[in-house]
Amino acid sequence: MNHREFKKFLQYVDKKITPPIKQLRTSGVSKNNHELVQYQVLTGGKRIRPALAIASCLMLGGKIKDIIYPAASIEVLHNFTLIIDDIVDHSILRRKEPTCWYKFGKSIAQVASIDYGAAIFQEARRWKRSGDLCYILAVTMKTIVDGEILDILFEQIGRKDEPFIQRNRYKEIKEKDYLAMISKKTASLIEASCLVGGIVAGARESQIKHLKNYGFNLGMAFQIRDDILDVFGKEDVLGKEIGKDIKERKIGNVVVLLTLEELSSFDRKRFLNILNKKSINRNDVKNAIGFILKTKSREKAYEMGEQYIIQAKNSLNKLPSNKWNDILKYMADFVAKRER
């Protein structure tokens, strides 16, 4: 497997799932609102989650016709979470385009997100073992909510008009707290994508277990890489603002967390002073990154992600060896080294 073949596979996935995605997004919706409800999911994206569902299914002998609609629903679910995430984080740019709320307004984006939530399950009648798949996706959605709440509670200041946050905000965050948060917010959906593929293919219980482990570890590595890119990525490549987690005062970023562990008490206090500022500008972000560069947090974060990638690949070694398994292994390398 090389990058050209992998890219070709992602293009194949996009071509397969775009028609059902358009159907899921527009069916039952007034024509006047088609642009609104399609905007988020058609602005781009790598289609990694449906690609995982499709490759997992085909690796275990499933048929492409059986996985297309579940895979499309997974991508709709993913974009549903992105709409909400961008509203919560006040993000104005994603995939080099205005975010849904920034383009259409917060109230309209919030309403549109409800439509996304309904669309996920709209064509469940087409799914094999629809009861099992609906349960997995519903539980995953609830898990993501738990993770999103944790992520918000990890912010150091702000949101003074939100009493729940003021009462429950974390004053100190440990590595186990961070890992629990990303396992819920990010890894759960990547894990679910693999499980859906396996269930549609009629996988054995042992195969489901290995798929689950692969998806979980891949998801953990994916978020760790995301955290690294938030601090060290290139804005024109990433397609969104660099240092957003710093501006949002989030200690729930592995690079920030590891930096706090390594800094001297004097520098740690100065670093926290930036994160606790009422308003953080680009110069503050630059200064914060300066403190980060004093540490080995970037290298430590990368190594942490690599350990999850190794575990993900080990799980694949216990599953059928074929070209779809090769794609899933390449996916692990892609996630670990991606630049956006």
C-alpha atoms as a PDB file:
ATOM      1  CA  MET A   1       0.000   0.000   0.000  1.00  0.00           C
ATOM      2  CA  ASN A   2       1.343   3.433  -0.968  1.00  0.00           C
ATOM      3  CA  HIS A   3      -0.077   6.929  -0.587  1.00  0.00           C
ATOM      4  CA  ARG A   4      -1.381   7.057  -4.145  1.00  0.00           C
ATOM      5  CA  GLU A   5      -3.401   3.860  -3.638  1.00  0.00           C
ATOM      6  CA  PHE A   6      -4.647   5.095  -0.268  1.00  0.00           C
ATOM      7  CA  LYS A   7      -5.729   8.424  -1.733  1.00  0.00           C
ATOM      8  CA  LYS A   8      -7.511   6.562  -4.525  1.00  0.00           C
ATOM      9  CA  PHE A   9      -9.405   4.553  -1.904  1.00  0.00           C
ATOM     10  CA  LEU A  10     -10.509   7.729  -0.088  1.00  0.00           C
ATOM     11  CA  GLN A  11     -11.714   9.145  -3.414  1.00  0.00           C
ATOM     12  CA  TYR A  12     -13.639   5.905  -4.003  1.00  0.00           C
ATOM     13  CA  VAL A  13     -15.254   6.254  -0.565  1.00  0.00           C
ATOM     14  CA  ASP A  14     -16.197   9.864  -1.230  1.00  0.00           C
ATOM     15  CA  LYS A  15     -17.741   8.956  -4.578  1.00  0.00           C
ATOM     16  CA  LYS A  16     -19.739   6.109  -3.020  1.00  0.00           C
ATOM     17  CA  ILE A  17     -21.109   7.963   0.000  1.00  0.00           C
ATOM     18  CA  THR A  18     -21.770  11.448  -1.443  1.00  0.00           C
ATOM     19  CA  PRO A  19     -25.063  10.506  -3.190  1.00  0.00           C
ATOM     20  CA  PRO A  20     -26.591   8.883  -0.058  1.00  0.00           C
ATOM     21  CA  ILE A  21     -25.299  11.780   2.062  1.00  0.00           C
ATOM     22  CA  LYS A  22     -27.094  14.241  -0.213  1.00  0.00           C
ATOM     23  CA  GLN A  23     -30.241  12.138   0.060  1.00  0.00           C
ATOM     24  CA  LEU A  24     -29.987  11.984   3.852  1.00  0.00           C
ATOM     25  CA  ARG A  25     -29.438  15.734   4.045  1.00  0.00           C
ATOM     26  CA  THR A  26     -32.227  16.873   1.701  1.00  0.00           C
ATOM     27  CA  SER A  27     -34.967  14.244   2.024  1.00  0.00           C
ATOM     28  CA  GLY A  28     -37.924  15.770   3.845  1.00  0.00           C
ATOM     29  CA  VAL A  29     -36.315  19.228   3.858  1.00  0.00           C
ATOM     30  CA  SER A  30     -37.724  22.292   2.067  1.00  0.00           C
ATOM     31  CA  LYS A  31     -35.800  23.040  -1.132  1.00  0.00           C
ATOM     32  CA  ASN A  32     -35.122  26.546   0.173  1.00  0.00           C
ATOM     33  CA  ASN A  33     -33.048  25.000   2.975  1.00  0.00           C
ATOM     34  CA  HIS A  34     -31.033  22.502   0.927  1.00  0.00           C
ATOM     35  CA  GLU A  35     -27.916  24.711   0.849  1.00  0.00           C
ATOM     36  CA  LEU A  36     -28.067  25.120   4.618  1.00  0.00           C
ATOM     37  CA  VAL A  37     -28.439  21.438   5.518  1.00  0.00           C
ATOM     38  CA  GLN A  38     -25.820  20.278   2.997  1.00  0.00           C
ATOM     39  CA  TYR A  39     -23.213  22.951   3.694  1.00  0.00           C
ATOM     40  CA  GLN A  40     -21.303  21.356   6.565  1.00  0.00           C
ATOM     41  CA  VAL A  41     -21.021  17.859   5.162  1.00  0.00           C
ATOM     42  CA  LEU A  42     -20.159  18.957   1.616  1.00  0.00           C
ATOM     43  CA  THR A  43     -17.414  21.478   2.477  1.00  0.00           C
ATOM     44  CA  GLY A  44     -14.826  18.712   2.266  1.00  0.00           C
ATOM     45  CA  GLY A  45     -13.220  16.468   4.832  1.00  0.00           C
ATOM     46  CA  LYS A  46     -11.121  13.340   4.449  1.00  0.00           C
ATOM     47  CA  ARG A  47     -14.048  10.911   4.946  1.00  0.00           C
ATOM     48  CA  ILE A  48     -11.889   8.871   7.327  1.00  0.00           C
ATOM     49  CA  ARG A  49     -14.756   7.496   9.423  1.00  0.00           C
ATOM     50  CA  PRO A  50     -16.837   6.107   6.545  1.00  0.00           C
ATOM     51  CA  ALA A  51     -13.592   4.853   4.988  1.00  0.00           C
ATOM     52  CA  LEU A  52     -12.930   2.894   8.182  1.00  0.00           C
ATOM     53  CA  ALA A  53     -16.438   1.427   8.125  1.00  0.00           C
ATOM     54  CA  ILE A  54     -16.119   0.389   4.478  1.00  0.00           C
ATOM     55  CA  ALA A  55     -12.597  -1.066   4.781  1.00  0.00           C
ATOM     56  CA  SER A  56     -13.528  -2.957   7.971  1.00  0.00           C
ATOM     57  CA  CYS A  57     -16.596  -4.418   6.307  1.00  0.00           C
ATOM     58  CA  LEU A  58     -14.804  -5.480   3.119  1.00  0.00           C
ATOM     59  CA  MET A  59     -11.840  -6.882   5.065  1.00  0.00           C
ATOM     60  CA  LEU A  60     -14.209  -9.326   6.774  1.00  0.00           C
ATOM     61  CA  GLY A  61     -16.031 -10.370   3.618  1.00  0.00           C
ATOM     62  CA  GLY A  62     -18.941  -7.923   3.687  1.00  0.00           C
ATOM     63  CA  LYS A  63     -20.517  -6.341   0.614  1.00  0.00           C
ATOM     64  CA  ILE A  64     -20.131  -2.714  -0.418  1.00  0.00           C
ATOM     65  CA  LYS A  65     -23.866  -2.338  -1.049  1.00  0.00           C
ATOM     66  CA  ASP A  66     -24.604  -3.202   2.579  1.00  0.00           C
ATOM     67  CA  ILE A  67     -22.199  -0.708   4.148  1.00  0.00           C
ATOM     68  CA  ILE A  68     -22.792   2.389   1.987  1.00  0.00           C
ATOM     69  CA  TYR A  69     -25.776   3.821   3.895  1.00  0.00           C
ATOM     70  CA  PRO A  70     -24.399   3.083   7.387  1.00  0.00           C
ATOM     71  CA  ALA A  71     -21.092   4.671   6.302  1.00  0.00           C
ATOM     72  CA  ALA A  72     -22.938   7.741   4.985  1.00  0.00           C
ATOM     73  CA  SER A  73     -24.794   8.036   8.300  1.00  0.00           C
ATOM     74  CA  ILE A  74     -21.482   7.888  10.187  1.00  0.00           C
ATOM     75  CA  GLU A  75     -20.208  10.838   8.149  1.00  0.00           C
ATOM     76  CA  VAL A  76     -23.418  12.763   8.841  1.00  0.00           C
ATOM     77  CA  LEU A  77     -22.983  12.030  12.566  1.00  0.00           C
ATOM     78  CA  HIS A  78     -19.379  13.238  12.440  1.00  0.00           C
ATOM     79  CA  ASN A  79     -20.397  16.500  10.783  1.00  0.00           C
ATOM     80  CA  PHE A  80     -23.251  16.893  13.254  1.00  0.00           C
ATOM     81  CA  THR A  81     -20.646  16.951  16.038  1.00  0.00           C
ATOM     82  CA  LEU A  82     -18.512  19.443  14.093  1.00  0.00           C
ATOM     83  CA  ILE A  83     -21.371  21.938  13.830  1.00  0.00           C
ATOM     84  CA  ILE A  84     -21.865  21.809  17.593  1.00  0.00           C
ATOM     85  CA  ASP A  85     -18.127  21.833  18.323  1.00  0.00           C
ATOM     86  CA  ASP A  86     -17.597  24.960  16.217  1.00  0.00           C
ATOM     87  CA  ILE A  87     -20.430  26.766  17.998  1.00  0.00           C
ATOM     88  CA  VAL A  88     -19.072  25.795  21.424  1.00  0.00           C
ATOM     89  CA  ASP A  89     -15.498  26.813  20.499  1.00  0.00           C
ATOM     90  CA  HIS A  90     -16.500  29.975  18.586  1.00  0.00           C
ATOM     91  CA  SER A  91     -14.540  28.673  15.578  1.00  0.00           C
ATOM     92  CA  ILE A  92     -14.961  30.670  12.394  1.00  0.00           C
ATOM     93  CA  LEU A  93     -12.904  28.542  10.000  1.00  0.00           C
ATOM     94  CA  ARG A  94     -12.916  24.829   9.162  1.00  0.00           C
ATOM     95  CA  ARG A  95     -11.540  23.137   6.051  1.00  0.00           C
ATOM     96  CA  LYS A  96     -10.510  26.630   4.837  1.00  0.00           C
ATOM     97  CA  GLU A  97     -14.193  27.623   4.732  1.00  0.00           C
ATOM     98  CA  PRO A  98     -16.437  29.573   7.146  1.00  0.00           C
ATOM     99  CA  THR A  99     -17.944  27.330   9.808  1.00  0.00           C
ATOM    100  CA  CYS A 100     -21.664  26.622   9.602  1.00  0.00           C
ATOM    101  CA  TRP A 101     -22.647  29.024  12.403  1.00  0.00           C
ATOM    102  CA  TYR A 102     -20.347  31.760  11.118  1.00  0.00           C
ATOM    103  CA  LYS A 103     -21.841  31.525   7.629  1.00  0.00           C
ATOM    104  CA  PHE A 104     -25.513  31.185   8.541  1.00  0.00           C
ATOM    105  CA  GLY A 105     -25.721  32.414  12.146  1.00  0.00           C
ATOM    106  CA  LYS A 106     -25.789  30.525  15.454  1.00  0.00           C
ATOM    107  CA  SER A 107     -29.535  30.025  15.729  1.00  0.00           C
ATOM    108  CA  ILE A 108     -29.813  28.632  12.187  1.00  0.00           C
ATOM    109  CA  ALA A 109     -26.768  26.373  12.691  1.00  0.00           C
ATOM    110  CA  GLN A 110     -28.242  25.023  15.934  1.00  0.00           C
ATOM    111  CA  VAL A 111     -31.519  24.223  14.194  1.00  0.00           C
ATOM    112  CA  ALA A 112     -29.670  22.654  11.249  1.00  0.00           C
ATOM    113  CA  SER A 113     -27.738  20.420  13.663  1.00  0.00           C
ATOM    114  CA  ILE A 114     -31.028  18.908  14.873  1.00  0.00           C
ATOM    115  CA  ASP A 115     -31.784  17.985  11.272  1.00  0.00           C
ATOM    116  CA  TYR A 116     -28.385  16.257  11.066  1.00  0.00           C
ATOM    117  CA  GLY A 117     -29.200  14.276  14.204  1.00  0.00           C
ATOM    118  CA  ALA A 118     -32.436  13.012  12.657  1.00  0.00           C
ATOM    119  CA  ALA A 119     -30.813  12.243   9.290  1.00  0.00           C
ATOM    120  CA  ILE A 120     -28.337   9.824  10.885  1.00  0.00           C
ATOM    121  CA  PHE A 121     -31.090   7.269  11.464  1.00  0.00           C
ATOM    122  CA  GLN A 122     -33.404   8.205   8.591  1.00  0.00           C
ATOM    123  CA  GLU A 123     -32.449   5.304   6.330  1.00  0.00           C
ATOM    124  CA  ALA A 124     -31.871   2.690   9.044  1.00  0.00           C
ATOM    125  CA  ARG A 125     -34.443   0.496   7.286  1.00  0.00           C
ATOM    126  CA  ARG A 126     -31.762  -0.094   4.598  1.00  0.00           C
ATOM    127  CA  TRP A 127     -29.212  -1.392   7.113  1.00  0.00           C
ATOM    128  CA  LYS A 128     -28.400  -5.005   7.887  1.00  0.00           C
ATOM    129  CA  ARG A 129     -28.768  -5.569  11.651  1.00  0.00           C
ATOM    130  CA  SER A 130     -30.223  -2.090  11.950  1.00  0.00           C
ATOM    131  CA  GLY A 131     -31.134  -2.557  15.614  1.00  0.00           C
ATOM    132  CA  ASP A 132     -27.509  -3.215  16.577  1.00  0.00           C
ATOM    133  CA  LEU A 133     -26.212  -0.353  14.434  1.00  0.00           C
ATOM    134  CA  CYS A 134     -28.769   2.150  15.773  1.00  0.00           C
ATOM    135  CA  TYR A 135     -27.809   1.205  19.319  1.00  0.00           C
ATOM    136  CA  ILE A 136     -24.076   1.637  18.625  1.00  0.00           C
ATOM    137  CA  LEU A 137     -24.530   5.046  16.992  1.00  0.00           C
ATOM    138  CA  ALA A 138     -26.937   6.306  19.659  1.00  0.00           C
ATOM    139  CA  VAL A 139     -24.610   5.275  22.494  1.00  0.00           C
ATOM    140  CA  THR A 140     -21.665   6.799  20.603  1.00  0.00           C
ATOM    141  CA  MET A 141     -23.498  10.106  20.273  1.00  0.00           C
ATOM    142  CA  LYS A 142     -24.124  10.168  24.026  1.00  0.00           C
ATOM    143  CA  THR A 143     -20.479   9.288  24.700  1.00  0.00           C
ATOM    144  CA  ILE A 144     -19.342  12.158  22.471  1.00  0.00           C
ATOM    145  CA  VAL A 145     -21.574  14.518  24.469  1.00  0.00           C
ATOM    146  CA  ASP A 146     -19.860  13.373  27.684  1.00  0.00           C
ATOM    147  CA  GLY A 147     -16.485  14.049  26.067  1.00  0.00           C
ATOM    148  CA  GLU A 148     -17.526  17.474  24.798  1.00  0.00           C
ATOM    149  CA  ILE A 149     -18.709  18.448  28.286  1.00  0.00           C
ATOM    150  CA  LEU A 150     -15.373  17.369  29.768  1.00  0.00           C
ATOM    151  CA  ASP A 151     -13.506  19.377  27.137  1.00  0.00           C
ATOM    152  CA  ILE A 152     -15.480  22.497  28.076  1.00  0.00           C
ATOM    153  CA  LEU A 153     -14.937  21.911  31.782  1.00  0.00           C
ATOM    154  CA  PHE A 154     -11.178  21.734  31.168  1.00  0.00           C
ATOM    155  CA  GLU A 155     -11.203  25.404  30.049  1.00  0.00           C
ATOM    156  CA  GLN A 156      -9.627  27.610  32.714  1.00  0.00           C
ATOM    157  CA  ILE A 157     -11.837  30.709  32.572  1.00  0.00           C
ATOM    158  CA  GLY A 158     -14.718  32.222  30.615  1.00  0.00           C
ATOM    159  CA  ARG A 159     -18.386  31.277  30.119  1.00  0.00           C
ATOM    160  CA  LYS A 160     -19.361  33.246  33.228  1.00  0.00           C
ATOM    161  CA  ASP A 161     -23.018  33.140  32.240  1.00  0.00           C
ATOM    162  CA  GLU A 162     -23.072  29.325  32.378  1.00  0.00           C
ATOM    163  CA  PRO A 163     -23.576  28.187  36.005  1.00  0.00           C
ATOM    164  CA  PHE A 164     -22.960  24.459  35.403  1.00  0.00           C
ATOM    165  CA  ILE A 165     -19.494  25.229  34.042  1.00  0.00           C
ATOM    166  CA  GLN A 166     -18.715  27.614  36.884  1.00  0.00           C
ATOM    167  CA  ARG A 167     -19.640  24.957  39.451  1.00  0.00           C
ATOM    168  CA  ASN A 168     -17.890  22.005  37.800  1.00  0.00           C
ATOM    169  CA  ARG A 169     -14.839  23.466  36.074  1.00  0.00           C
ATOM    170  CA  TYR A 170     -11.632  21.457  36.572  1.00  0.00           C
ATOM    171  CA  LYS A 171      -8.941  23.411  38.402  1.00  0.00           C
ATOM    172  CA  GLU A 172      -6.366  20.693  37.844  1.00  0.00           C
ATOM    173  CA  ILE A 173      -6.232  18.194  34.997  1.00  0.00           C
ATOM    174  CA  LYS A 174      -4.223  14.995  35.082  1.00  0.00           C
ATOM    175  CA  GLU A 175      -3.209  12.811  32.155  1.00  0.00           C
ATOM    176  CA  LYS A 176      -5.906  10.266  33.031  1.00  0.00           C
ATOM    177  CA  ASP A 177      -8.533  13.035  32.787  1.00  0.00           C
ATOM    178  CA  TYR A 178      -7.260  14.034  29.362  1.00  0.00           C
ATOM    179  CA  LEU A 179      -7.225  10.438  28.112  1.00  0.00           C
ATOM    180  CA  ALA A 180     -10.775   9.891  29.391  1.00  0.00           C
ATOM    181  CA  MET A 181     -11.924  13.016  27.558  1.00  0.00           C
ATOM    182  CA  ILE A 182     -10.418  12.168  24.164  1.00  0.00           C
ATOM    183  CA  SER A 183     -11.557   8.540  24.429  1.00  0.00           C
ATOM    184  CA  LYS A 184     -15.111   9.862  24.593  1.00  0.00           C
ATOM    185  CA  LYS A 185     -14.966  12.919  22.328  1.00  0.00           C
ATOM    186  CA  THR A 186     -12.887  11.479  19.479  1.00  0.00           C
ATOM    187  CA  ALA A 187     -11.974   7.807  19.823  1.00  0.00           C
ATOM    188  CA  SER A 188     -15.550   6.633  20.416  1.00  0.00           C
ATOM    189  CA  LEU A 189     -16.744   7.540  16.898  1.00  0.00           C
ATOM    190  CA  ILE A 190     -13.671   6.108  15.172  1.00  0.00           C
ATOM    191  CA  GLU A 191     -14.125   2.919  17.190  1.00  0.00           C
ATOM    192  CA  ALA A 192     -17.829   2.843  16.283  1.00  0.00           C
ATOM    193  CA  SER A 193     -17.023   3.274  12.579  1.00  0.00           C
ATOM    194  CA  CYS A 194     -14.943   0.090  12.643  1.00  0.00           C
ATOM    195  CA  LEU A 195     -17.563  -1.780  14.680  1.00  0.00           C
ATOM    196  CA  VAL A 196     -20.327  -0.847  12.232  1.00  0.00           C
ATOM    197  CA  GLY A 197     -18.255  -2.241   9.359  1.00  0.00           C
ATOM    198  CA  GLY A 198     -17.617  -5.470  11.220  1.00  0.00           C
ATOM    199  CA  ILE A 199     -21.244  -5.963  12.266  1.00  0.00           C
ATOM    200  CA  VAL A 200     -22.539  -5.384   8.731  1.00  0.00           C
ATOM    201  CA  ALA A 201     -20.025  -7.996   7.501  1.00  0.00           C
ATOM    202  CA  GLY A 202     -21.276 -10.524  10.077  1.00  0.00           C
ATOM    203  CA  ALA A 203     -17.941 -10.632  11.934  1.00  0.00           C
ATOM    204  CA  ARG A 204     -17.281 -13.140  14.690  1.00  0.00           C
ATOM    205  CA  GLU A 205     -17.097 -11.941  18.305  1.00  0.00           C
ATOM    206  CA  SER A 206     -13.293 -12.251  18.368  1.00  0.00           C
ATOM    207  CA  GLN A 207     -13.012 -10.187  15.178  1.00  0.00           C
ATOM    208  CA  ILE A 208     -15.307  -7.519  16.632  1.00  0.00           C
ATOM    209  CA  LYS A 209     -13.026  -7.328  19.676  1.00  0.00           C
ATOM    210  CA  HIS A 210      -9.928  -6.738  17.524  1.00  0.00           C
ATOM    211  CA  LEU A 211     -11.753  -4.171  15.373  1.00  0.00           C
ATOM    212  CA  LYS A 212     -12.864  -2.377  18.522  1.00  0.00           C
ATOM    213  CA  ASN A 213      -9.286  -2.248  19.828  1.00  0.00           C
ATOM    214  CA  TYR A 214      -7.999  -1.033  16.472  1.00  0.00           C
ATOM    215  CA  GLY A 215     -10.595   1.741  16.263  1.00  0.00           C
ATOM    216  CA  PHE A 216     -10.101   2.876  19.854  1.00  0.00           C
ATOM    217  CA  ASN A 217      -6.312   3.123  19.586  1.00  0.00           C
ATOM    218  CA  LEU A 218      -6.508   4.796  16.183  1.00  0.00           C
ATOM    219  CA  GLY A 219      -8.962   7.338  17.604  1.00  0.00           C
ATOM    220  CA  MET A 220      -6.696   8.142  20.544  1.00  0.00           C
ATOM    221  CA  ALA A 221      -3.758   8.678  18.180  1.00  0.00           C
ATOM    222  CA  PHE A 222      -5.955  10.800  15.914  1.00  0.00           C
ATOM    223  CA  GLN A 223      -6.808  13.264  18.695  1.00  0.00           C
ATOM    224  CA  ILE A 224      -3.244  13.420  19.976  1.00  0.00           C
ATOM    225  CA  ARG A 225      -2.121  14.324  16.465  1.00  0.00           C
ATOM    226  CA  ASP A 226      -4.916  16.927  16.311  1.00  0.00           C
ATOM    227  CA  ASP A 227      -3.602  18.486  19.514  1.00  0.00           C
ATOM    228  CA  ILE A 228      -0.072  18.655  18.109  1.00  0.00           C
ATOM    229  CA  LEU A 229      -1.324  20.272  14.907  1.00  0.00           C
ATOM    230  CA  ASP A 230      -3.357  22.820  16.878  1.00  0.00           C
ATOM    231  CA  VAL A 231      -0.082  24.182  18.260  1.00  0.00           C
ATOM    232  CA  PHE A 232       2.466  23.370  15.553  1.00  0.00           C
ATOM    233  CA  GLY A 233       0.444  22.993  12.352  1.00  0.00           C
ATOM    234  CA  LYS A 234       0.466  25.357   9.373  1.00  0.00           C
ATOM    235  CA  GLU A 235      -2.729  27.379   9.137  1.00  0.00           C
ATOM    236  CA  ASP A 236      -2.845  27.357   5.316  1.00  0.00           C
ATOM    237  CA  VAL A 237      -2.503  23.552   5.325  1.00  0.00           C
ATOM    238  CA  LEU A 238      -4.657  22.801   8.357  1.00  0.00           C
ATOM    239  CA  GLY A 239      -7.510  24.990   7.120  1.00  0.00           C
ATOM    240  CA  LYS A 240      -8.262  26.436  10.557  1.00  0.00           C
ATOM    241  CA  GLU A 241      -6.722  28.774  13.099  1.00  0.00           C
ATOM    242  CA  ILE A 242      -3.506  27.684  14.836  1.00  0.00           C
ATOM    243  CA  GLY A 243      -3.408  27.914  18.639  1.00  0.00           C
ATOM    244  CA  LYS A 244      -7.171  27.688  18.978  1.00  0.00           C
ATOM    245  CA  ASP A 245      -6.916  25.523  22.099  1.00  0.00           C
ATOM    246  CA  ILE A 246      -4.671  28.141  23.697  1.00  0.00           C
ATOM    247  CA  LYS A 247      -7.136  30.910  22.819  1.00  0.00           C
ATOM    248  CA  GLU A 248      -9.916  28.801  24.326  1.00  0.00           C
ATOM    249  CA  ARG A 249      -7.709  28.348  27.445  1.00  0.00           C
ATOM    250  CA  LYS A 250      -7.927  24.569  27.134  1.00  0.00           C
ATOM    251  CA  ILE A 251      -5.632  22.454  29.229  1.00  0.00           C
ATOM    252  CA  GLY A 252      -7.331  19.501  27.536  1.00  0.00           C
ATOM    253  CA  ASN A 253      -4.653  19.534  24.839  1.00  0.00           C
ATOM    254  CA  VAL A 254      -1.885  16.989  25.346  1.00  0.00           C
ATOM    255  CA  VAL A 255       0.863  19.431  24.323  1.00  0.00           C
ATOM    256  CA  VAL A 256      -0.379  22.031  26.829  1.00  0.00           C
ATOM    257  CA  LEU A 257      -0.795  19.396  29.527  1.00  0.00           C
ATOM    258  CA  LEU A 258       2.703  17.971  29.049  1.00  0.00           C
ATOM    259  CA  THR A 259       4.158  21.480  28.975  1.00  0.00           C
ATOM    260  CA  LEU A 260       2.642  22.247  32.368  1.00  0.00           C
ATOM    261  CA  GLU A 261       4.176  19.060  33.771  1.00  0.00           C
ATOM    262  CA  GLU A 262       7.673  19.962  32.553  1.00  0.00           C
ATOM    263  CA  LEU A 263       7.974  23.739  33.068  1.00  0.00           C
ATOM    264  CA  SER A 264       9.707  25.158  36.107  1.00  0.00           C
ATOM    265  CA  SER A 265       7.346  26.549  38.741  1.00  0.00           C
ATOM    266  CA  PHE A 266       8.221  30.110  37.638  1.00  0.00           C
ATOM    267  CA  ASP A 267       7.571  29.488  33.927  1.00  0.00           C
ATOM    268  CA  ARG A 268       4.513  27.378  34.729  1.00  0.00           C
ATOM    269  CA  LYS A 269       2.978  30.332  36.545  1.00  0.00           C
ATOM    270  CA  ARG A 270       3.722  32.650  33.593  1.00  0.00           C
ATOM    271  CA  PHE A 271       2.281  30.104  31.160  1.00  0.00           C
ATOM    272  CA  LEU A 272      -0.883  29.744  33.262  1.00  0.00           C
ATOM    273  CA  ASN A 273      -1.183  33.523  33.440  1.00  0.00           C
ATOM    274  CA  ILE A 274      -1.586  33.535  29.665  1.00  0.00           C
ATOM    275  CA  LEU A 275      -4.209  30.769  29.787  1.00  0.00           C
ATOM    276  CA  ASN A 276      -6.090  32.686  32.486  1.00  0.00           C
ATOM    277  CA  LYS A 277      -6.220  35.994  30.626  1.00  0.00           C
ATOM    278  CA  LYS A 278      -9.668  37.425  29.957  1.00  0.00           C
ATOM    279  CA  SER A 279      -8.797  37.857  26.299  1.00  0.00           C
ATOM    280  CA  ILE A 280      -6.005  36.066  24.422  1.00  0.00           C
ATOM    281  CA  ASN A 281      -4.606  37.609  21.237  1.00  0.00           C
ATOM    282  CA  ARG A 282      -2.183  36.274  18.615  1.00  0.00           C
ATOM    283  CA  ASN A 283       0.814  37.654  20.506  1.00  0.00           C
ATOM    284  CA  ASP A 284      -0.315  35.788  23.634  1.00  0.00           C
ATOM    285  CA  VAL A 285      -0.572  32.592  21.586  1.00  0.00           C
ATOM    286  CA  LYS A 286       2.943  33.203  20.253  1.00  0.00           C
ATOM    287  CA  ASN A 287       4.265  33.707  23.796  1.00  0.00           C
ATOM    288  CA  ALA A 288       2.496  30.553  24.999  1.00  0.00           C
ATOM    289  CA  ILE A 289       4.067  28.547  22.177  1.00  0.00           C
ATOM    290  CA  GLY A 290       7.412  29.983  23.263  1.00  0.00           C
ATOM    291  CA  PHE A 291       6.950  28.333  26.661  1.00  0.00           C
ATOM    292  CA  ILE A 292       5.893  25.092  24.982  1.00  0.00           C
ATOM    293  CA  LEU A 293       9.093  25.120  22.912  1.00  0.00           C
ATOM    294  CA  LYS A 294      11.126  25.207  26.130  1.00  0.00           C
ATOM    295  CA  THR A 295       9.924  21.672  26.833  1.00  0.00           C
ATOM    296  CA  LYS A 296       9.928  18.289  25.141  1.00  0.00           C
ATOM    297  CA  SER A 297       6.116  18.203  25.132  1.00  0.00           C
ATOM    298  CA  ARG A 298       5.895  17.950  21.339  1.00  0.00           C
ATOM    299  CA  GLU A 299       8.208  14.930  21.243  1.00  0.00           C
ATOM    300  CA  LYS A 300       6.448  13.308  24.203  1.00  0.00           C
ATOM    301  CA  ALA A 301       3.033  13.833  22.596  1.00  0.00           C
ATOM    302  CA  TYR A 302       4.245  12.346  19.321  1.00  0.00           C
ATOM    303  CA  GLU A 303       5.638   9.303  21.149  1.00  0.00           C
ATOM    304  CA  MET A 304       2.349   8.875  23.026  1.00  0.00           C
ATOM    305  CA  GLY A 305       0.490   8.867  19.709  1.00  0.00           C
ATOM    306  CA  GLU A 306       2.956   6.370  18.246  1.00  0.00           C
ATOM    307  CA  GLN A 307       2.280   3.923  21.084  1.00  0.00           C
ATOM    308  CA  TYR A 308      -1.434   3.967  20.249  1.00  0.00           C
ATOM    309  CA  ILE A 309      -0.618   3.421  16.561  1.00  0.00           C
ATOM    310  CA  ILE A 310       1.489   0.365  17.440  1.00  0.00           C
ATOM    311  CA  GLN A 311      -1.399  -1.080  19.446  1.00  0.00           C
ATOM    312  CA  ALA A 312      -3.824  -0.376  16.597  1.00  0.00           C
ATOM    313  CA  LYS A 313      -1.618  -2.228  14.108  1.00  0.00           C
ATOM    314  CA  ASN A 314      -1.171  -5.143  16.503  1.00  0.00           C
ATOM    315  CA  SER A 315      -4.944  -5.610  16.516  1.00  0.00           C
ATOM    316  CA  LEU A 316      -4.986  -5.708  12.715  1.00  0.00           C
ATOM    317  CA  ASN A 317      -2.416  -8.515  12.760  1.00  0.00           C
ATOM    318  CA  LYS A 318      -5.105 -10.735  14.297  1.00  0.00           C
ATOM    319  CA  LEU A 319      -7.597 -10.042  11.466  1.00  0.00           C
ATOM    320  CA  PRO A 320      -7.733 -11.372   7.873  1.00  0.00           C
ATOM    321  CA  SER A 321      -4.712 -10.375   5.800  1.00  0.00           C
ATOM    322  CA  ASN A 322      -5.894  -8.767   2.565  1.00  0.00           C
ATOM    323  CA  LYS A 323      -5.776  -5.435   0.746  1.00  0.00           C
ATOM    324  CA  TRP A 324      -8.428  -3.951   3.044  1.00  0.00           C
ATOM    325  CA  ASN A 325      -6.303  -4.810   6.070  1.00  0.00           C
ATOM    326  CA  ASP A 326      -3.397  -3.090   4.293  1.00  0.00           C
ATOM    327  CA  ILE A 327      -5.571   0.007   3.875  1.00  0.00           C
ATOM    328  CA  LEU A 328      -6.392   0.029   7.587  1.00  0.00           C
ATOM    329  CA  LYS A 329      -2.701  -0.285   8.450  1.00  0.00           C
ATOM    330  CA  TYR A 330      -1.857   2.576   6.120  1.00  0.00           C
ATOM    331  CA  MET A 331      -4.666   4.564   7.746  1.00  0.00           C
ATOM    332  CA  ALA A 332      -2.813   4.244  11.050  1.00  0.00           C
ATOM    333  CA  ASP A 333       0.388   5.647   9.530  1.00  0.00           C
ATOM    334  CA  PHE A 334      -1.589   8.405   7.810  1.00  0.00           C
ATOM    335  CA  VAL A 335      -3.243   9.453  11.079  1.00  0.00           C
ATOM    336  CA  ALA A 336       0.097   9.552  12.906  1.00  0.00           C
ATOM    337  CA  LYS A 337       1.808  11.765  10.318  1.00  0.00           C
ATOM    338  CA  ARG A 338      -0.989  13.856   8.782  1.00  0.00           C
ATOM    339  CA  GLU A 339      -0.538  17.609   8.495  1.00  0.00           C
ATOM    340  CA  ARG A 340      -4.257  18.469   8.484  1.00  0.00           C
END
